[in-house]
mmCIF file of all heavy atoms, coordinates in Angstrom:
data_MODEL
# 
_entry.id   MODEL 
# 
loop_
_atom_site.group_PDB 
_atom_site.id 
_atom_site.type_symbol 
_atom_site.label_atom_id 
_atom_site.label_alt_id 
_atom_site.label_comp_id 
_atom_site.label_asym_id 
_atom_site.label_entity_id 
_atom_site.label_seq_id 
_atom_site.pdbx_PDB_ins_code 
_atom_site.Cartn_x 
_atom_site.Cartn_y 
_atom_site.Cartn_z 
_atom_site.occupancy 
_atom_site.B_iso_or_equiv 
_atom_site.pdbx_formal_charge 
_atom_site.auth_seq_id 
_atom_site.auth_comp_id 
_atom_site.auth_asym_id 
_atom_site.auth_atom_id 
_atom_site.pdbx_PDB_model_num 
ATOM 1   N N   . GLU A 1 1  ? 0.827  -1.206  0.000   1.00 0.00 ? 1  GLU A N   1 
ATOM 2   C CA  . GLU A 1 1  ? 0.000  0.000   0.000   1.00 0.00 ? 1  GLU A CA  1 
ATOM 3   C C   . GLU A 1 1  ? 0.865  1.261   0.000   1.00 0.00 ? 1  GLU A C   1 
ATOM 4   O O   . GLU A 1 1  ? 0.554  2.233   -0.719  1.00 0.00 ? 1  GLU A O   1 
ATOM 5   C CB  . GLU A 1 1  ? -0.923 -0.010  1.217   1.00 0.00 ? 1  GLU A CB  1 
ATOM 6   C CG  . GLU A 1 1  ? -2.023 -1.065  1.135   1.00 0.00 ? 1  GLU A CG  1 
ATOM 7   C CD  . GLU A 1 1  ? -2.739 -1.263  2.453   1.00 0.00 ? 1  GLU A CD  1 
ATOM 8   O OE1 . GLU A 1 1  ? -2.467 -0.497  3.403   1.00 0.00 ? 1  GLU A OE1 1 
ATOM 9   O OE2 . GLU A 1 1  ? -3.563 -2.197  2.543   1.00 0.00 ? 1  GLU A OE2 1 
ATOM 10  N N   . THR A 1 2  ? 1.945  1.270   0.774   1.00 0.00 ? 2  THR A N   1 
ATOM 11  C CA  . THR A 1 2  ? 2.854  2.415   0.782   1.00 0.00 ? 2  THR A CA  1 
ATOM 12  C C   . THR A 1 2  ? 3.448  2.635   -0.597  1.00 0.00 ? 2  THR A C   1 
ATOM 13  O O   . THR A 1 2  ? 3.561  3.768   -1.080  1.00 0.00 ? 2  THR A O   1 
ATOM 14  C CB  . THR A 1 2  ? 3.979  2.205   1.814   1.00 0.00 ? 2  THR A CB  1 
ATOM 15  O OG1 . THR A 1 2  ? 3.414  2.150   3.124   1.00 0.00 ? 2  THR A OG1 1 
ATOM 16  C CG2 . THR A 1 2  ? 5.002  3.334   1.749   1.00 0.00 ? 2  THR A CG2 1 
ATOM 17  N N   . SER A 1 3  ? 3.825  1.532   -1.242  1.00 0.00 ? 3  SER A N   1 
ATOM 18  C CA  . SER A 1 3  ? 4.373  1.623   -2.591  1.00 0.00 ? 3  SER A CA  1 
ATOM 19  C C   . SER A 1 3  ? 3.357  2.225   -3.564  1.00 0.00 ? 3  SER A C   1 
ATOM 20  O O   . SER A 1 3  ? 3.713  3.020   -4.437  1.00 0.00 ? 3  SER A O   1 
ATOM 21  C CB  . SER A 1 3  ? 4.801  0.228   -3.053  1.00 0.00 ? 3  SER A CB  1 
ATOM 22  O OG  . SER A 1 3  ? 5.340  0.256   -4.347  1.00 0.00 ? 3  SER A OG  1 
ATOM 23  N N   . LYS A 1 4  ? 2.099  1.878   -3.386  1.00 0.00 ? 4  LYS A N   1 
ATOM 24  C CA  . LYS A 1 4  ? 1.050  2.420   -4.260  1.00 0.00 ? 4  LYS A CA  1 
ATOM 25  C C   . LYS A 1 4  ? 0.820  3.907   -3.982  1.00 0.00 ? 4  LYS A C   1 
ATOM 26  O O   . LYS A 1 4  ? 0.555  4.688   -4.911  1.00 0.00 ? 4  LYS A O   1 
ATOM 27  C CB  . LYS A 1 4  ? -0.239 1.624   -4.082  1.00 0.00 ? 4  LYS A CB  1 
ATOM 28  C CG  . LYS A 1 4  ? -0.147 0.208   -4.653  1.00 0.00 ? 4  LYS A CG  1 
ATOM 29  C CD  . LYS A 1 4  ? -1.436 -0.575  -4.475  1.00 0.00 ? 4  LYS A CD  1 
ATOM 30  C CE  . LYS A 1 4  ? -1.308 -1.960  -5.120  1.00 0.00 ? 4  LYS A CE  1 
ATOM 31  N NZ  . LYS A 1 4  ? -2.540 -2.768  -4.965  1.00 0.00 ? 4  LYS A NZ  1 
ATOM 32  N N   . ILE A 1 5  ? 0.921  4.292   -2.718  1.00 0.00 ? 5  ILE A N   1 
ATOM 33  C CA  . ILE A 1 5  ? 0.800  5.723   -2.384  1.00 0.00 ? 5  ILE A CA  1 
ATOM 34  C C   . ILE A 1 5  ? 1.915  6.514   -3.058  1.00 0.00 ? 5  ILE A C   1 
ATOM 35  O O   . ILE A 1 5  ? 1.684  7.584   -3.638  1.00 0.00 ? 5  ILE A O   1 
ATOM 36  C CB  . ILE A 1 5  ? 0.842  5.917   -0.854  1.00 0.00 ? 5  ILE A CB  1 
ATOM 37  C CG1 . ILE A 1 5  ? -0.431 5.367   -0.215  1.00 0.00 ? 5  ILE A CG1 1 
ATOM 38  C CG2 . ILE A 1 5  ? 1.019  7.393   -0.493  1.00 0.00 ? 5  ILE A CG2 1 
ATOM 39  C CD1 . ILE A 1 5  ? -0.387 5.277   1.286   1.00 0.00 ? 5  ILE A CD1 1 
ATOM 40  N N   . LEU A 1 6  ? 3.137  5.991   -2.997  1.00 0.00 ? 6  LEU A N   1 
ATOM 41  C CA  . LEU A 1 6  ? 4.266  6.662   -3.639  1.00 0.00 ? 6  LEU A CA  1 
ATOM 42  C C   . LEU A 1 6  ? 4.086  6.725   -5.152  1.00 0.00 ? 6  LEU A C   1 
ATOM 43  O O   . LEU A 1 6  ? 4.456  7.711   -5.793  1.00 0.00 ? 6  LEU A O   1 
ATOM 44  C CB  . LEU A 1 6  ? 5.571  5.958   -3.285  1.00 0.00 ? 6  LEU A CB  1 
ATOM 45  C CG  . LEU A 1 6  ? 6.022  6.117   -1.830  1.00 0.00 ? 6  LEU A CG  1 
ATOM 46  C CD1 . LEU A 1 6  ? 7.228  5.227   -1.543  1.00 0.00 ? 6  LEU A CD1 1 
ATOM 47  C CD2 . LEU A 1 6  ? 6.361  7.569   -1.522  1.00 0.00 ? 6  LEU A CD2 1 
ATOM 48  N N   . PHE A 1 7  ? 3.492  5.675   -5.718  1.00 0.00 ? 7  PHE A N   1 
ATOM 49  C CA  . PHE A 1 7  ? 3.206  5.689   -7.156  1.00 0.00 ? 7  PHE A CA  1 
ATOM 50  C C   . PHE A 1 7  ? 2.225  6.814   -7.497  1.00 0.00 ? 7  PHE A C   1 
ATOM 51  O O   . PHE A 1 7  ? 2.421  7.558   -8.466  1.00 0.00 ? 7  PHE A O   1 
ATOM 52  C CB  . PHE A 1 7  ? 2.614  4.347   -7.592  1.00 0.00 ? 7  PHE A CB  1 
ATOM 53  C CG  . PHE A 1 7  ? 2.013  4.370   -8.971  1.00 0.00 ? 7  PHE A CG  1 
ATOM 54  C CD1 . PHE A 1 7  ? 2.825  4.342   -10.096 1.00 0.00 ? 7  PHE A CD1 1 
ATOM 55  C CD2 . PHE A 1 7  ? 0.637  4.456   -9.135  1.00 0.00 ? 7  PHE A CD2 1 
ATOM 56  C CE1 . PHE A 1 7  ? 2.265  4.386   -11.368 1.00 0.00 ? 7  PHE A CE1 1 
ATOM 57  C CE2 . PHE A 1 7  ? 0.082  4.494   -10.405 1.00 0.00 ? 7  PHE A CE2 1 
ATOM 58  C CZ  . PHE A 1 7  ? 0.895  4.466   -11.523 1.00 0.00 ? 7  PHE A CZ  1 
ATOM 59  N N   . MET A 1 8  ? 1.194  6.964   -6.671  1.00 0.00 ? 8  MET A N   1 
ATOM 60  C CA  . MET A 1 8  ? 0.204  8.007   -6.939  1.00 0.00 ? 8  MET A CA  1 
ATOM 61  C C   . MET A 1 8  ? 0.801  9.400   -6.767  1.00 0.00 ? 8  MET A C   1 
ATOM 62  O O   . MET A 1 8  ? 0.402  10.341  -7.456  1.00 0.00 ? 8  MET A O   1 
ATOM 63  C CB  . MET A 1 8  ? -1.007 7.827   -6.016  1.00 0.00 ? 8  MET A CB  1 
ATOM 64  C CG  . MET A 1 8  ? -1.855 6.610   -6.381  1.00 0.00 ? 8  MET A CG  1 
ATOM 65  S SD  . MET A 1 8  ? -3.367 6.467   -5.391  1.00 0.00 ? 8  MET A SD  1 
ATOM 66  C CE  . MET A 1 8  ? -2.723 5.827   -3.853  1.00 0.00 ? 8  MET A CE  1 
ATOM 67  N N   . GLU A 1 9  ? 1.776  9.518   -5.871  1.00 0.00 ? 9  GLU A N   1 
ATOM 68  C CA  . GLU A 1 9  ? 2.408  10.815  -5.646  1.00 0.00 ? 9  GLU A CA  1 
ATOM 69  C C   . GLU A 1 9  ? 3.482  11.126  -6.687  1.00 0.00 ? 9  GLU A C   1 
ATOM 70  O O   . GLU A 1 9  ? 3.603  12.261  -7.138  1.00 0.00 ? 9  GLU A O   1 
ATOM 71  C CB  . GLU A 1 9  ? 3.033  10.851  -4.248  1.00 0.00 ? 9  GLU A CB  1 
ATOM 72  C CG  . GLU A 1 9  ? 2.015  10.849  -3.118  1.00 0.00 ? 9  GLU A CG  1 
ATOM 73  C CD  . GLU A 1 9  ? 2.679  10.807  -1.751  1.00 0.00 ? 9  GLU A CD  1 
ATOM 74  O OE1 . GLU A 1 9  ? 3.902  10.550  -1.686  1.00 0.00 ? 9  GLU A OE1 1 
ATOM 75  O OE2 . GLU A 1 9  ? 1.968  11.023  -0.755  1.00 0.00 ? 9  GLU A OE2 1 
ATOM 76  N N   . LYS A 1 10 ? 4.249  10.095  -7.066  1.00 0.00 ? 10 LYS A N   1 
ATOM 77  C CA  . LYS A 1 10 ? 5.411  10.326  -7.928  1.00 0.00 ? 10 LYS A CA  1 
ATOM 78  C C   . LYS A 1 10 ? 5.167  9.968   -9.389  1.00 0.00 ? 10 LYS A C   1 
ATOM 79  O O   . LYS A 1 10 ? 5.869  10.438  -10.277 1.00 0.00 ? 10 LYS A O   1 
ATOM 80  C CB  . LYS A 1 10 ? 6.605  9.507   -7.419  1.00 0.00 ? 10 LYS A CB  1 
ATOM 81  C CG  . LYS A 1 10 ? 7.097  9.921   -6.044  1.00 0.00 ? 10 LYS A CG  1 
ATOM 82  C CD  . LYS A 1 10 ? 8.345  9.122   -5.673  1.00 0.00 ? 10 LYS A CD  1 
ATOM 83  C CE  . LYS A 1 10 ? 8.893  9.563   -4.324  1.00 0.00 ? 10 LYS A CE  1 
ATOM 84  N NZ  . LYS A 1 10 ? 10.133 8.828   -3.980  1.00 0.00 ? 10 LYS A NZ  1 
ATOM 85  N N   . LYS A 1 11 ? 4.222  9.071   -9.618  1.00 0.00 ? 11 LYS A N   1 
ATOM 86  C CA  . LYS A 1 11 ? 3.855  8.607   -10.963 1.00 0.00 ? 11 LYS A CA  1 
ATOM 87  C C   . LYS A 1 11 ? 4.931  7.733   -11.621 1.00 0.00 ? 11 LYS A C   1 
ATOM 88  O O   . LYS A 1 11 ? 4.625  6.777   -12.304 1.00 0.00 ? 11 LYS A O   1 
ATOM 89  C CB  . LYS A 1 11 ? 3.528  9.792   -11.892 1.00 0.00 ? 11 LYS A CB  1 
ATOM 90  C CG  . LYS A 1 11 ? 2.384  10.670  -11.397 1.00 0.00 ? 11 LYS A CG  1 
ATOM 91  C CD  . LYS A 1 11 ? 1.094  9.882   -11.234 1.00 0.00 ? 11 LYS A CD  1 
ATOM 92  C CE  . LYS A 1 11 ? -0.042 10.764  -10.769 1.00 0.00 ? 11 LYS A CE  1 
ATOM 93  N NZ  . LYS A 1 11 ? -1.267 9.984   -10.499 1.00 0.00 ? 11 LYS A NZ  1 
ATOM 94  N N   . ASN A 1 12 ? 6.204  8.039   -11.400 1.00 0.00 ? 12 ASN A N   1 
ATOM 95  C CA  . ASN A 1 12 ? 7.271  7.252   -12.027 1.00 0.00 ? 12 ASN A CA  1 
ATOM 96  C C   . ASN A 1 12 ? 7.776  6.148   -11.111 1.00 0.00 ? 12 ASN A C   1 
ATOM 97  O O   . ASN A 1 12 ? 8.809  5.538   -11.352 1.00 0.00 ? 12 ASN A O   1 
ATOM 98  C CB  . ASN A 1 12 ? 8.451  8.151   -12.423 1.00 0.00 ? 12 ASN A CB  1 
ATOM 99  C CG  . ASN A 1 12 ? 9.071  8.848   -11.224 1.00 0.00 ? 12 ASN A CG  1 
ATOM 100 O OD1 . ASN A 1 12 ? 8.458  8.913   -10.162 1.00 0.00 ? 12 ASN A OD1 1 
ATOM 101 N ND2 . ASN A 1 12 ? 10.271 9.374   -11.403 1.00 0.00 ? 12 ASN A ND2 1 
ATOM 102 N N   . HIS A 1 13 ? 7.053  5.898   -10.037 1.00 0.00 ? 13 HIS A N   1 
ATOM 103 C CA  . HIS A 1 13 ? 7.436  4.887   -9.056  1.00 0.00 ? 13 HIS A CA  1 
ATOM 104 C C   . HIS A 1 13 ? 6.834  3.541   -9.455  1.00 0.00 ? 13 HIS A C   1 
ATOM 105 O O   . HIS A 1 13 ? 5.641  3.438   -9.724  1.00 0.00 ? 13 HIS A O   1 
ATOM 106 C CB  . HIS A 1 13 ? 6.939  5.303   -7.669  1.00 0.00 ? 13 HIS A CB  1 
ATOM 107 C CG  . HIS A 1 13 ? 7.171  4.284   -6.599  1.00 0.00 ? 13 HIS A CG  1 
ATOM 108 N ND1 . HIS A 1 13 ? 8.326  4.237   -5.862  1.00 0.00 ? 13 HIS A ND1 1 
ATOM 109 C CD2 . HIS A 1 13 ? 6.391  3.274   -6.143  1.00 0.00 ? 13 HIS A CD2 1 
ATOM 110 C CE1 . HIS A 1 13 ? 8.252  3.249   -4.993  1.00 0.00 ? 13 HIS A CE1 1 
ATOM 111 N NE2 . HIS A 1 13 ? 7.086  2.655   -5.143  1.00 0.00 ? 13 HIS A NE2 1 
ATOM 112 N N   . ASN A 1 14 ? 7.651  2.496   -9.471  1.00 0.00 ? 14 ASN A N   1 
ATOM 113 C CA  . ASN A 1 14 ? 7.162  1.156   -9.784  1.00 0.00 ? 14 ASN A CA  1 
ATOM 114 C C   . ASN A 1 14 ? 6.622  0.501   -8.516  1.00 0.00 ? 14 ASN A C   1 
ATOM 115 O O   . ASN A 1 14 ? 7.337  0.363   -7.521  1.00 0.00 ? 14 ASN A O   1 
ATOM 116 C CB  . ASN A 1 14 ? 8.279  0.290   -10.369 1.00 0.00 ? 14 ASN A CB  1 
ATOM 117 C CG  . ASN A 1 14 ? 8.689  0.759   -11.740 1.00 0.00 ? 14 ASN A CG  1 
ATOM 118 O OD1 . ASN A 1 14 ? 7.859  1.215   -12.520 1.00 0.00 ? 14 ASN A OD1 1 
ATOM 119 N ND2 . ASN A 1 14 ? 9.975  0.654   -12.051 1.00 0.00 ? 14 ASN A ND2 1 
ATOM 120 N N   . VAL A 1 15 ? 5.362  0.091   -8.556  1.00 0.00 ? 15 VAL A N   1 
ATOM 121 C CA  . VAL A 1 15 ? 4.703  -0.496  -7.393  1.00 0.00 ? 15 VAL A CA  1 
ATOM 122 C C   . VAL A 1 15 ? 5.319  -1.850  -7.056  1.00 0.00 ? 15 VAL A C   1 
ATOM 123 O O   . VAL A 1 15 ? 5.631  -2.648  -7.945  1.00 0.00 ? 15 VAL A O   1 
ATOM 124 C CB  . VAL A 1 15 ? 3.191  -0.644  -7.669  1.00 0.00 ? 15 VAL A CB  1 
ATOM 125 C CG1 . VAL A 1 15 ? 2.514  -1.418  -6.554  1.00 0.00 ? 15 VAL A CG1 1 
ATOM 126 C CG2 . VAL A 1 15 ? 2.551  0.728   -7.832  1.00 0.00 ? 15 VAL A CG2 1 
ATOM 127 N N   . LEU A 1 16 ? 5.475  -2.119  -5.751  1.00 0.00 ? 16 LEU A N   1 
ATOM 128 C CA  . LEU A 1 16 ? 5.947  -3.428  -5.317  1.00 0.00 ? 16 LEU A CA  1 
ATOM 129 C C   . LEU A 1 16 ? 4.868  -4.471  -5.601  1.00 0.00 ? 16 LEU A C   1 
ATOM 130 O O   . LEU A 1 16 ? 3.686  -4.262  -5.299  1.00 0.00 ? 16 LEU A O   1 
ATOM 131 C CB  . LEU A 1 16 ? 6.240  -3.429  -3.822  1.00 0.00 ? 16 LEU A CB  1 
ATOM 132 C CG  . LEU A 1 16 ? 7.471  -2.679  -3.316  1.00 0.00 ? 16 LEU A CG  1 
ATOM 133 C CD1 . LEU A 1 16 ? 7.511  -2.733  -1.785  1.00 0.00 ? 16 LEU A CD1 1 
ATOM 134 C CD2 . LEU A 1 16 ? 8.751  -3.273  -3.896  1.00 0.00 ? 16 LEU A CD2 1 
ATOM 135 N N   . SER A 1 17 ? 5.249  -5.588  -6.146  1.00 0.00 ? 17 SER A N   1 
ATOM 136 C CA  . SER A 1 17 ? 4.320  -6.695  -6.342  1.00 0.00 ? 17 SER A CA  1 
ATOM 137 C C   . SER A 1 17 ? 4.199  -7.489  -5.037  1.00 0.00 ? 17 SER A C   1 
ATOM 138 O O   . SER A 1 17 ? 5.033  -7.355  -4.142  1.00 0.00 ? 17 SER A O   1 
ATOM 139 C CB  . SER A 1 17 ? 4.826  -7.614  -7.451  1.00 0.00 ? 17 SER A CB  1 
ATOM 140 O OG  . SER A 1 17 ? 6.009  -8.296  -7.026  1.00 0.00 ? 17 SER A OG  1 
ATOM 141 N N   . TYR A 1 18 ? 3.177  -8.338  -4.955  1.00 0.00 ? 18 TYR A N   1 
ATOM 142 C CA  . TYR A 1 18 ? 3.023  -9.144  -3.746  1.00 0.00 ? 18 TYR A CA  1 
ATOM 143 C C   . TYR A 1 18 ? 4.193  -10.115 -3.613  1.00 0.00 ? 18 TYR A C   1 
ATOM 144 O O   . TYR A 1 18 ? 4.604  -10.465 -2.496  1.00 0.00 ? 18 TYR A O   1 
ATOM 145 C CB  . TYR A 1 18 ? 1.675  -9.877  -3.741  1.00 0.00 ? 18 TYR A CB  1 
ATOM 146 C CG  . TYR A 1 18 ? 1.627  -11.150 -4.550  1.00 0.00 ? 18 TYR A CG  1 
ATOM 147 C CD1 . TYR A 1 18 ? 1.966  -12.377 -3.988  1.00 0.00 ? 18 TYR A CD1 1 
ATOM 148 C CD2 . TYR A 1 18 ? 1.230  -11.126 -5.891  1.00 0.00 ? 18 TYR A CD2 1 
ATOM 149 C CE1 . TYR A 1 18 ? 1.906  -13.548 -4.730  1.00 0.00 ? 18 TYR A CE1 1 
ATOM 150 C CE2 . TYR A 1 18 ? 1.164  -12.281 -6.636  1.00 0.00 ? 18 TYR A CE2 1 
ATOM 151 C CZ  . TYR A 1 18 ? 1.503  -13.498 -6.056  1.00 0.00 ? 18 TYR A CZ  1 
ATOM 152 O OH  . TYR A 1 18 ? 1.460  -14.658 -6.796  1.00 0.00 ? 18 TYR A OH  1 
ATOM 153 N N   . LYS A 1 19 ? 4.756  -10.548 -4.741  1.00 0.00 ? 19 LYS A N   1 
ATOM 154 C CA  . LYS A 1 19 ? 5.904  -11.453 -4.684  1.00 0.00 ? 19 LYS A CA  1 
ATOM 155 C C   . LYS A 1 19 ? 7.122  -10.744 -4.102  1.00 0.00 ? 19 LYS A C   1 
ATOM 156 O O   . LYS A 1 19 ? 7.884  -11.325 -3.322  1.00 0.00 ? 19 LYS A O   1 
ATOM 157 C CB  . LYS A 1 19 ? 6.214  -11.996 -6.081  1.00 0.00 ? 19 LYS A CB  1 
ATOM 158 C CG  . LYS A 1 19 ? 5.135  -12.906 -6.642  1.00 0.00 ? 19 LYS A CG  1 
ATOM 159 C CD  . LYS A 1 19 ? 5.503  -13.409 -8.036  1.00 0.00 ? 19 LYS A CD  1 
ATOM 160 C CE  . LYS A 1 19 ? 4.416  -14.313 -8.596  1.00 0.00 ? 19 LYS A CE  1 
ATOM 161 N NZ  . LYS A 1 19 ? 4.747  -14.795 -9.966  1.00 0.00 ? 19 LYS A NZ  1 
ATOM 162 N N   . GLU A 1 20 ? 7.313  -9.477  -4.474  1.00 0.00 ? 20 GLU A N   1 
ATOM 163 C CA  . GLU A 1 20 ? 8.438  -8.717  -3.935  1.00 0.00 ? 20 GLU A CA  1 
ATOM 164 C C   . GLU A 1 20 ? 8.250  -8.463  -2.441  1.00 0.00 ? 20 GLU A C   1 
ATOM 165 O O   . GLU A 1 20 ? 9.209  -8.554  -1.657  1.00 0.00 ? 20 GLU A O   1 
ATOM 166 C CB  . GLU A 1 20 ? 8.589  -7.395  -4.691  1.00 0.00 ? 20 GLU A CB  1 
ATOM 167 C CG  . GLU A 1 20 ? 9.089  -7.544  -6.113  1.00 0.00 ? 20 GLU A CG  1 
ATOM 168 C CD  . GLU A 1 20 ? 9.094  -6.240  -6.869  1.00 0.00 ? 20 GLU A CD  1 
ATOM 169 O OE1 . GLU A 1 20 ? 8.040  -5.573  -6.912  1.00 0.00 ? 20 GLU A OE1 1 
ATOM 170 O OE2 . GLU A 1 20 ? 10.156 -5.874  -7.411  1.00 0.00 ? 20 GLU A OE2 1 
ATOM 171 N N   . ALA A 1 21 ? 7.021  -8.144  -2.026  1.00 0.00 ? 21 ALA A N   1 
ATOM 172 C CA  . ALA A 1 21 ? 6.758  -7.914  -0.605  1.00 0.00 ? 21 ALA A CA  1 
ATOM 173 C C   . ALA A 1 21 ? 6.922  -9.203  0.191   1.00 0.00 ? 21 ALA A C   1 
ATOM 174 O O   . ALA A 1 21 ? 7.431  -9.191  1.322   1.00 0.00 ? 21 ALA A O   1 
ATOM 175 C CB  . ALA A 1 21 ? 5.346  -7.354  -0.424  1.00 0.00 ? 21 ALA A CB  1 
ATOM 176 N N   . PHE A 1 22 ? 6.509  -10.320 -0.394  1.00 0.00 ? 22 PHE A N   1 
ATOM 177 C CA  . PHE A 1 22 ? 6.700  -11.626 0.238   1.00 0.00 ? 22 PHE A CA  1 
ATOM 178 C C   . PHE A 1 22 ? 8.184  -11.902 0.428   1.00 0.00 ? 22 PHE A C   1 
ATOM 179 O O   . PHE A 1 22 ? 8.610  -12.397 1.484   1.00 0.00 ? 22 PHE A O   1 
ATOM 180 C CB  . PHE A 1 22 ? 6.055  -12.705 -0.637  1.00 0.00 ? 22 PHE A CB  1 
ATOM 181 C CG  . PHE A 1 22 ? 6.315  -14.116 -0.195  1.00 0.00 ? 22 PHE A CG  1 
ATOM 182 C CD1 . PHE A 1 22 ? 5.824  -14.576 1.010   1.00 0.00 ? 22 PHE A CD1 1 
ATOM 183 C CD2 . PHE A 1 22 ? 7.040  -14.989 -1.001  1.00 0.00 ? 22 PHE A CD2 1 
ATOM 184 C CE1 . PHE A 1 22 ? 6.050  -15.898 1.421   1.00 0.00 ? 22 PHE A CE1 1 
ATOM 185 C CE2 . PHE A 1 22 ? 7.278  -16.301 -0.602  1.00 0.00 ? 22 PHE A CE2 1 
ATOM 186 C CZ  . PHE A 1 22 ? 6.772  -16.755 0.606   1.00 0.00 ? 22 PHE A CZ  1 
ATOM 187 N N   . ARG A 1 23 ? 8.987  -11.555 -0.551  1.00 0.00 ? 23 ARG A N   1 
ATOM 188 C CA  . ARG A 1 23 ? 10.431 -11.751 -0.436  1.00 0.00 ? 23 ARG A CA  1 
ATOM 189 C C   . ARG A 1 23 ? 11.014 -10.887 0.681   1.00 0.00 ? 23 ARG A C   1 
ATOM 190 O O   . ARG A 1 23 ? 11.894 -11.340 1.416   1.00 0.00 ? 23 ARG A O   1 
ATOM 191 C CB  . ARG A 1 23 ? 11.130 -11.415 -1.768  1.00 0.00 ? 23 ARG A CB  1 
ATOM 192 C CG  . ARG A 1 23 ? 12.609 -11.755 -1.774  1.00 0.00 ? 23 ARG A CG  1 
ATOM 193 C CD  . ARG A 1 23 ? 13.321 -11.264 -3.028  1.00 0.00 ? 23 ARG A CD  1 
ATOM 194 N NE  . ARG A 1 23 ? 14.677 -11.781 -3.098  1.00 0.00 ? 23 ARG A NE  1 
ATOM 195 C CZ  . ARG A 1 23 ? 15.706 -11.305 -2.395  1.00 0.00 ? 23 ARG A CZ  1 
ATOM 196 N NH1 . ARG A 1 23 ? 15.525 -10.295 -1.558  1.00 0.00 ? 23 ARG A NH1 1 
ATOM 197 N NH2 . ARG A 1 23 ? 16.914 -11.844 -2.516  1.00 0.00 ? 23 ARG A NH2 1 
ATOM 198 N N   . LEU A 1 24 ? 10.524 -9.650  0.823   1.00 0.00 ? 24 LEU A N   1 
ATOM 199 C CA  . LEU A 1 24 ? 11.008 -8.783  1.890   1.00 0.00 ? 24 LEU A CA  1 
ATOM 200 C C   . LEU A 1 24 ? 10.768 -9.414  3.261   1.00 0.00 ? 24 LEU A C   1 
ATOM 201 O O   . LEU A 1 24 ? 11.584 -9.264  4.176   1.00 0.00 ? 24 LEU A O   1 
ATOM 202 C CB  . LEU A 1 24 ? 10.315 -7.424  1.838   1.00 0.00 ? 24 LEU A CB  1 
ATOM 203 C CG  . LEU A 1 24 ? 10.606 -6.513  0.644   1.00 0.00 ? 24 LEU A CG  1 
ATOM 204 C CD1 . LEU A 1 24 ? 9.791  -5.225  0.769   1.00 0.00 ? 24 LEU A CD1 1 
ATOM 205 C CD2 . LEU A 1 24 ? 12.092 -6.188  0.531   1.00 0.00 ? 24 LEU A CD2 1 
ATOM 206 N N   . ALA A 1 25 ? 9.641  -10.122 3.411   1.00 0.00 ? 25 ALA A N   1 
ATOM 207 C CA  . ALA A 1 25 ? 9.273  -10.718 4.698   1.00 0.00 ? 25 ALA A CA  1 
ATOM 208 C C   . ALA A 1 25 ? 10.006 -12.025 4.971   1.00 0.00 ? 25 ALA A C   1 
ATOM 209 O O   . ALA A 1 25 ? 9.968  -12.520 6.116   1.00 0.00 ? 25 ALA A O   1 
ATOM 210 C CB  . ALA A 1 25 ? 7.763  -10.971 4.740   1.00 0.00 ? 25 ALA A CB  1 
ATOM 211 N N   . THR A 1 26 ? 10.676 -12.574 3.977   1.00 0.00 ? 26 THR A N   1 
ATOM 212 C CA  . THR A 1 26 ? 11.339 -13.873 4.143   1.00 0.00 ? 26 THR A CA  1 
ATOM 213 C C   . THR A 1 26 ? 12.833 -13.755 3.823   1.00 0.00 ? 26 THR A C   1 
ATOM 214 O O   . THR A 1 26 ? 13.626 -13.416 4.691   1.00 0.00 ? 26 THR A O   1 
ATOM 215 C CB  . THR A 1 26 ? 10.643 -14.928 3.266   1.00 0.00 ? 26 THR A CB  1 
ATOM 216 O OG1 . THR A 1 26 ? 10.552 -14.459 1.899   1.00 0.00 ? 26 THR A OG1 1 
ATOM 217 C CG2 . THR A 1 26 ? 9.222  -15.203 3.759   1.00 0.00 ? 26 THR A CG2 1 
ATOM 218 N N   . LEU A 1 27 ? 13.198 -13.983 2.578   1.00 0.00 ? 27 LEU A N   1 
ATOM 219 C CA  . LEU A 1 27 ? 14.612 -13.936 2.212   1.00 0.00 ? 27 LEU A CA  1 
ATOM 220 C C   . LEU A 1 27 ? 15.197 -12.539 2.401   1.00 0.00 ? 27 LEU A C   1 
ATOM 221 O O   . LEU A 1 27 ? 16.347 -12.394 2.831   1.00 0.00 ? 27 LEU A O   1 
ATOM 222 C CB  . LEU A 1 27 ? 14.798 -14.389 0.763   1.00 0.00 ? 27 LEU A CB  1 
ATOM 223 C CG  . LEU A 1 27 ? 16.240 -14.500 0.267   1.00 0.00 ? 27 LEU A CG  1 
ATOM 224 C CD1 . LEU A 1 27 ? 17.059 -15.453 1.126   1.00 0.00 ? 27 LEU A CD1 1 
ATOM 225 C CD2 . LEU A 1 27 ? 16.264 -14.938 -1.202  1.00 0.00 ? 27 LEU A CD2 1 
ATOM 226 N N   . GLY A 1 28 ? 14.425 -11.495 2.108   1.00 0.00 ? 28 GLY A N   1 
ATOM 227 C CA  . GLY A 1 28 ? 14.909 -10.130 2.313   1.00 0.00 ? 28 GLY A CA  1 
ATOM 228 C C   . GLY A 1 28 ? 15.247 -9.870  3.767   1.00 0.00 ? 28 GLY A C   1 
ATOM 229 O O   . GLY A 1 28 ? 16.258 -9.224  4.085   1.00 0.00 ? 28 GLY A O   1 
# 
């Protein structure tokens, strides 16, 4: 959700996918 907020504010921001967020919670 934070990533999506930044996308709406910056427009050039690539939204985090659920797979990327899942990686942050595990291997990341």
